[in-house]
Amino acid sequence: MDVLDDHSRALVAARVDTGSTAKAAWEAFTCAVQDWGLLALQNQLDRWRQHYNTARPHKALAGATPAERWAATNPATPGTPIPGPVRASVHTVQKAGHIGWSDYVIGIDSRLAGQRVLVTARDFTLAIYGQHGLLRRLTIATTRRYQGTGIPPGRRR
């Protein structure tokens, strides 16, 4: 049992509290290991764990065993995804009425050319705010570089 003796020396070297209760428990443990041997001790612990989890009723579990409670519990499933962080950036509307965001060109309104807009983005869901409030809310179609305004081309009335 050199390992246990080395461990005892390590405890003393590390100045671990080896008060009378701790020392007595440690001595009882080392005696048990020496008497039974490690394999016998492991078998004893395995039998105790088996009894505790499958045969011994628990008051806190309304008389059920931990194994019965475990078997009756539905397995956990993944929850809803955690939304990505909100990013915010300021952009100037170009003469043609669009802004550049990431690798995309987003149509806004040519009448806002030269004005600055605030873009808040969570993943590919954007909200674009101008001087007077929300201008546009959209989800980027990642297959298209240009995100149109949704307003038909031509003169506005």
C-alpha atoms as a PDB file:
ATOM      1  CA  MET A   1       0.000   0.000   0.000  1.00  0.00           C
ATOM      2  CA  ASP A   2       2.739   2.456  -0.892  1.00  0.00           C
ATOM      3  CA  VAL A   3       0.259   4.688  -2.737  1.00  0.00           C
ATOM      4  CA  LEU A   4      -1.723   5.384   0.425  1.00  0.00           C
ATOM      5  CA  ASP A   5       1.426   6.091   2.379  1.00  0.00           C
ATOM      6  CA  ASP A   6       2.588   8.502  -0.315  1.00  0.00           C
ATOM      7  CA  HIS A   7      -0.822  10.178  -0.194  1.00  0.00           C
ATOM      8  CA  SER A   8      -0.582  10.568   3.583  1.00  0.00           C
ATOM      9  CA  ARG A   9       2.834  12.171   3.170  1.00  0.00           C
ATOM     10  CA  ALA A  10       1.431  14.529   0.517  1.00  0.00           C
ATOM     11  CA  LEU A  11      -1.352  15.622   2.889  1.00  0.00           C
ATOM     12  CA  VAL A  12       1.158  16.426   5.600  1.00  0.00           C
ATOM     13  CA  ALA A  13       3.429  18.232   3.129  1.00  0.00           C
ATOM     14  CA  ALA A  14       0.491  20.292   1.858  1.00  0.00           C
ATOM     15  CA  ARG A  15      -0.461  21.085   5.465  1.00  0.00           C
ATOM     16  CA  VAL A  16      -3.966  19.684   4.986  1.00  0.00           C
ATOM     17  CA  ASP A  17      -5.978  19.780   8.205  1.00  0.00           C
ATOM     18  CA  THR A  18      -5.611  16.317   9.637  1.00  0.00           C
ATOM     19  CA  GLY A  19      -7.527  16.891  12.859  1.00  0.00           C
ATOM     20  CA  SER A  20      -8.501  13.974  15.042  1.00  0.00           C
ATOM     21  CA  THR A  21     -11.781  13.262  13.172  1.00  0.00           C
ATOM     22  CA  ALA A  22     -10.205  13.501   9.724  1.00  0.00           C
ATOM     23  CA  LYS A  23      -7.221  11.445  10.869  1.00  0.00           C
ATOM     24  CA  ALA A  24      -9.457   8.752  12.367  1.00  0.00           C
ATOM     25  CA  ALA A  25     -11.541   8.543   9.182  1.00  0.00           C
ATOM     26  CA  TRP A  26      -8.405   8.338   7.081  1.00  0.00           C
ATOM     27  CA  GLU A  27      -6.950   5.594   9.256  1.00  0.00           C
ATOM     28  CA  ALA A  28     -10.208   3.632   9.090  1.00  0.00           C
ATOM     29  CA  PHE A  29     -10.205   3.967   5.300  1.00  0.00           C
ATOM     30  CA  THR A  30      -6.591   2.856   4.940  1.00  0.00           C
ATOM     31  CA  CYS A  31      -7.212  -0.111   7.248  1.00  0.00           C
ATOM     32  CA  ALA A  32     -10.250  -1.125   5.182  1.00  0.00           C
ATOM     33  CA  VAL A  33      -8.254  -0.903   1.966  1.00  0.00           C
ATOM     34  CA  GLN A  34      -5.428  -2.927   3.463  1.00  0.00           C
ATOM     35  CA  ASP A  35      -7.852  -5.555   4.810  1.00  0.00           C
ATOM     36  CA  TRP A  36     -10.019  -5.857   1.691  1.00  0.00           C
ATOM     37  CA  GLY A  37      -7.680  -4.852  -1.103  1.00  0.00           C
ATOM     38  CA  LEU A  38      -8.626  -2.326  -3.757  1.00  0.00           C
ATOM     39  CA  LEU A  39     -10.581  -4.734  -5.955  1.00  0.00           C
ATOM     40  CA  ALA A  40     -12.715  -5.942  -3.048  1.00  0.00           C
ATOM     41  CA  LEU A  41     -13.324  -2.348  -1.956  1.00  0.00           C
ATOM     42  CA  GLN A  42     -14.418  -1.386  -5.489  1.00  0.00           C
ATOM     43  CA  ASN A  43     -16.815  -4.348  -5.559  1.00  0.00           C
ATOM     44  CA  GLN A  44     -18.272  -3.288  -2.199  1.00  0.00           C
ATOM     45  CA  LEU A  45     -18.778   0.286  -3.461  1.00  0.00           C
ATOM     46  CA  ASP A  46     -20.385  -0.971  -6.680  1.00  0.00           C
ATOM     47  CA  ARG A  47     -22.837  -3.145  -4.726  1.00  0.00           C
ATOM     48  CA  TRP A  48     -23.733  -0.198  -2.452  1.00  0.00           C
ATOM     49  CA  ARG A  49     -24.299   2.110  -5.435  1.00  0.00           C
ATOM     50  CA  GLN A  50     -26.472  -0.525  -7.136  1.00  0.00           C
ATOM     51  CA  HIS A  51     -28.562  -0.950  -3.961  1.00  0.00           C
ATOM     52  CA  TYR A  52     -28.847   2.821  -3.415  1.00  0.00           C
ATOM     53  CA  ASN A  53     -30.040   3.513  -6.968  1.00  0.00           C
ATOM     54  CA  THR A  54     -32.243   0.474  -7.648  1.00  0.00           C
ATOM     55  CA  ALA A  55     -33.453  -1.113  -4.406  1.00  0.00           C
ATOM     56  CA  ARG A  56     -33.594   1.516  -1.660  1.00  0.00           C
ATOM     57  CA  PRO A  57     -36.780   3.677  -1.754  1.00  0.00           C
ATOM     58  CA  HIS A  58     -36.229   7.405  -1.283  1.00  0.00           C
ATOM     59  CA  LYS A  59     -38.595   9.514   0.777  1.00  0.00           C
ATOM     60  CA  ALA A  60     -37.867  12.595  -1.346  1.00  0.00           C
ATOM     61  CA  LEU A  61     -38.931  10.640  -4.454  1.00  0.00           C
ATOM     62  CA  ALA A  62     -42.234   9.513  -2.889  1.00  0.00           C
ATOM     63  CA  GLY A  63     -40.891   6.018  -2.290  1.00  0.00           C
ATOM     64  CA  ALA A  64     -39.400   5.570  -5.733  1.00  0.00           C
ATOM     65  CA  THR A  65     -35.794   4.657  -6.340  1.00  0.00           C
ATOM     66  CA  PRO A  66     -33.486   6.980  -8.277  1.00  0.00           C
ATOM     67  CA  ALA A  67     -33.415   4.484 -11.156  1.00  0.00           C
ATOM     68  CA  GLU A  68     -37.252   4.455 -11.313  1.00  0.00           C
ATOM     69  CA  ARG A  69     -37.371   8.258 -11.281  1.00  0.00           C
ATOM     70  CA  TRP A  70     -34.698   8.435 -13.987  1.00  0.00           C
ATOM     71  CA  ALA A  71     -36.570   5.954 -16.199  1.00  0.00           C
ATOM     72  CA  ALA A  72     -39.848   7.898 -15.781  1.00  0.00           C
ATOM     73  CA  THR A  73     -38.292  11.234 -16.760  1.00  0.00           C
ATOM     74  CA  ASN A  74     -38.527  12.432 -20.349  1.00  0.00           C
ATOM     75  CA  PRO A  75     -35.117  12.931 -21.920  1.00  0.00           C
ATOM     76  CA  ALA A  76     -33.964  16.498 -22.274  1.00  0.00           C
ATOM     77  CA  THR A  77     -34.319  18.162 -25.657  1.00  0.00           C
ATOM     78  CA  PRO A  78     -32.548  21.203 -27.033  1.00  0.00           C
ATOM     79  CA  GLY A  79     -34.198  24.497 -26.192  1.00  0.00           C
ATOM     80  CA  THR A  80     -34.830  27.369 -28.536  1.00  0.00           C
ATOM     81  CA  PRO A  81     -31.669  28.793 -30.070  1.00  0.00           C
ATOM     82  CA  ILE A  82     -30.140  31.767 -28.341  1.00  0.00           C
ATOM     83  CA  PRO A  83     -30.504  34.755 -30.662  1.00  0.00           C
ATOM     84  CA  GLY A  84     -27.340  36.287 -31.997  1.00  0.00           C
ATOM     85  CA  PRO A  85     -26.111  39.620 -30.691  1.00  0.00           C
ATOM     86  CA  VAL A  86     -27.632  42.854 -31.934  1.00  0.00           C
ATOM     87  CA  ARG A  87     -25.254  44.863 -34.099  1.00  0.00           C
ATOM     88  CA  ALA A  88     -25.800  48.514 -34.859  1.00  0.00           C
ATOM     89  CA  SER A  89     -24.160  50.652 -37.516  1.00  0.00           C
ATOM     90  CA  VAL A  90     -24.726  54.031 -39.165  1.00  0.00           C
ATOM     91  CA  HIS A  91     -24.805  54.305 -42.977  1.00  0.00           C
ATOM     92  CA  THR A  92     -25.266  57.136 -45.463  1.00  0.00           C
ATOM     93  CA  VAL A  93     -27.946  56.619 -48.116  1.00  0.00           C
ATOM     94  CA  GLN A  94     -26.365  56.791 -51.586  1.00  0.00           C
ATOM     95  CA  LYS A  95     -27.712  58.914 -54.458  1.00  0.00           C
ATOM     96  CA  ALA A  96     -29.517  55.908 -55.930  1.00  0.00           C
ATOM     97  CA  GLY A  97     -31.295  55.354 -52.588  1.00  0.00           C
ATOM     98  CA  HIS A  98     -29.433  52.366 -51.217  1.00  0.00           C
ATOM     99  CA  ILE A  99     -26.955  51.549 -48.442  1.00  0.00           C
ATOM    100  CA  GLY A 100     -24.261  48.939 -48.177  1.00  0.00           C
ATOM    101  CA  TRP A 101     -24.542  46.525 -45.257  1.00  0.00           C
ATOM    102  CA  SER A 102     -22.092  43.659 -44.917  1.00  0.00           C
ATOM    103  CA  ASP A 103     -21.850  42.225 -48.462  1.00  0.00           C
ATOM    104  CA  TYR A 104     -25.367  43.335 -49.393  1.00  0.00           C
ATOM    105  CA  VAL A 105     -26.887  46.387 -51.063  1.00  0.00           C
ATOM    106  CA  ILE A 106     -30.184  47.385 -49.483  1.00  0.00           C
ATOM    107  CA  GLY A 107     -32.652  49.620 -51.262  1.00  0.00           C
ATOM    108  CA  ILE A 108     -34.182  52.338 -49.088  1.00  0.00           C
ATOM    109  CA  ASP A 109     -35.507  55.388 -50.968  1.00  0.00           C
ATOM    110  CA  SER A 110     -33.708  57.783 -53.317  1.00  0.00           C
ATOM    111  CA  ARG A 111     -35.460  60.721 -51.622  1.00  0.00           C
ATOM    112  CA  LEU A 112     -33.307  59.976 -48.547  1.00  0.00           C
ATOM    113  CA  ALA A 113     -30.015  60.350 -50.474  1.00  0.00           C
ATOM    114  CA  GLY A 114     -27.308  61.873 -48.283  1.00  0.00           C
ATOM    115  CA  GLN A 115     -29.137  61.182 -45.024  1.00  0.00           C
ATOM    116  CA  ARG A 116     -27.683  58.940 -42.364  1.00  0.00           C
ATOM    117  CA  VAL A 117     -29.624  55.893 -41.192  1.00  0.00           C
ATOM    118  CA  LEU A 118     -29.178  53.537 -38.268  1.00  0.00           C
ATOM    119  CA  VAL A 119     -29.195  49.804 -39.026  1.00  0.00           C
ATOM    120  CA  THR A 120     -29.747  47.333 -36.203  1.00  0.00           C
ATOM    121  CA  ALA A 121     -29.195  43.707 -37.099  1.00  0.00           C
ATOM    122  CA  ARG A 122     -29.705  40.409 -35.351  1.00  0.00           C
ATOM    123  CA  ASP A 123     -28.316  37.727 -37.624  1.00  0.00           C
ATOM    124  CA  PHE A 124     -29.958  38.597 -40.977  1.00  0.00           C
ATOM    125  CA  THR A 125     -32.996  40.421 -39.593  1.00  0.00           C
ATOM    126  CA  LEU A 126     -32.548  44.182 -39.987  1.00  0.00           C
ATOM    127  CA  ALA A 127     -34.378  47.286 -38.863  1.00  0.00           C
ATOM    128  CA  ILE A 128     -33.433  50.553 -40.568  1.00  0.00           C
ATOM    129  CA  TYR A 129     -34.221  53.834 -38.823  1.00  0.00           C
ATOM    130  CA  GLY A 130     -34.148  57.322 -40.288  1.00  0.00           C
ATOM    131  CA  GLN A 131     -34.586  60.751 -38.719  1.00  0.00           C
ATOM    132  CA  HIS A 132     -38.314  60.205 -38.225  1.00  0.00           C
ATOM    133  CA  GLY A 133     -38.395  56.565 -37.098  1.00  0.00           C
ATOM    134  CA  LEU A 134     -38.486  53.120 -38.644  1.00  0.00           C
ATOM    135  CA  LEU A 135     -37.975  53.162 -42.405  1.00  0.00           C
ATOM    136  CA  ARG A 136     -37.836  49.498 -43.157  1.00  0.00           C
ATOM    137  CA  ARG A 137     -37.707  46.083 -41.537  1.00  0.00           C
ATOM    138  CA  LEU A 138     -36.448  43.116 -43.558  1.00  0.00           C
ATOM    139  CA  THR A 139     -34.771  39.739 -43.462  1.00  0.00           C
ATOM    140  CA  ILE A 140     -31.843  39.474 -45.838  1.00  0.00           C
ATOM    141  CA  ALA A 141     -32.300  36.980 -48.670  1.00  0.00           C
ATOM    142  CA  THR A 142     -28.787  35.551 -48.560  1.00  0.00           C
ATOM    143  CA  THR A 143     -29.020  34.250 -52.144  1.00  0.00           C
ATOM    144  CA  ARG A 144     -29.300  37.818 -53.521  1.00  0.00           C
ATOM    145  CA  ARG A 145     -26.748  40.598 -53.127  1.00  0.00           C
ATOM    146  CA  TYR A 146     -29.287  43.365 -53.853  1.00  0.00           C
ATOM    147  CA  GLN A 147     -32.231  43.663 -51.486  1.00  0.00           C
ATOM    148  CA  GLY A 148     -34.846  45.752 -53.286  1.00  0.00           C
ATOM    149  CA  THR A 149     -37.222  48.192 -51.655  1.00  0.00           C
ATOM    150  CA  GLY A 150     -40.324  46.287 -52.677  1.00  0.00           C
ATOM    151  CA  ILE A 151     -41.622  49.486 -54.355  1.00  0.00           C
ATOM    152  CA  PRO A 152     -42.207  49.115 -58.115  1.00  0.00           C
ATOM    153  CA  PRO A 153     -39.806  51.170 -60.280  1.00  0.00           C
ATOM    154  CA  GLY A 154     -41.054  54.353 -61.904  1.00  0.00           C
ATOM    155  CA  ARG A 155     -42.289  57.761 -60.791  1.00  0.00           C
ATOM    156  CA  ARG A 156     -43.789  58.022 -57.386  1.00  0.00           C
ATOM    157  CA  ARG A 157     -47.069  59.811 -57.074  1.00  0.00           C
END
